[in-house]
Amino acid sequence: MRIYDPLTSRYAFACPVRGETRVPLSAFRSIEQLPGASHPAVFRVRFDCSCGAEHDGLLTHDDLDWAPLGLGAGEFLNLMTARLEPVEAELSDLAAGRIRQGEWPWSFFCYPEERPRPVFPSSFTLLTATDGTVGLAVRCPSCRRLSLNLVSRPHVDLPFHNDREVGVVEHMFAADEPATLEEFRAELWSASFDARRLALE
């Protein structure tokens, strides 16, 4: 069974109430790399489930960062031909072409560096959502510092859907991010945001 479905942009996890649930990346609340082997790295994620509770799940680095780009997408039923057809090659070629043209699947604004940066979901640490927006704590792959951004749900859920502007908390955070999701939510929603452009060069 595939964990990520690139045609619906959903991750499949076990739910103790419903058996299985499918959630977008914006339903994740925390992402933490587990100690141990790094090839492949394994991440523990906490997510909001449609049953109303939060659950934990495990993802490999490939499932978290690469599967949304279409790698390992498998086959789909072509209703025009009534045949199963491969979709991985087409989706991965499309993603590679966009990256070659300077587009990046995900991006955020690094406040310490005062510039937008390309990123993968494995750099996200904490997420919290409201009606149309997602508060996102991101560990910069370049400077390793933490920044808080306020983005749209599609900015998180859909590769290559980067908001033109994001909200940025103008604050330098200590080396350790807020210890709990509750602390993060309190910090995020009590902060003021400045709009920053995300034009990646």
Foldseek 3Di string as FASTA:
>chain_A
DQQAALVVLWGWDQDPVPGIFTHHQLQWFFWAFDDDDVVFIKIWTWGQGPVGDIDIDIDTPCSQFPVNQLAVNAWDQDPVVRDTDGDSVVSNVVQVVCVVVVFAFAWDADQVVRAIDHDTPNQWGGWDDDDFWIWTWGQDPPPRFIWIKIGGPCNRRHGRPNDQKIWTFNDGDDNDDPPDSVVVVVVVVVTGTDIDGNDGD
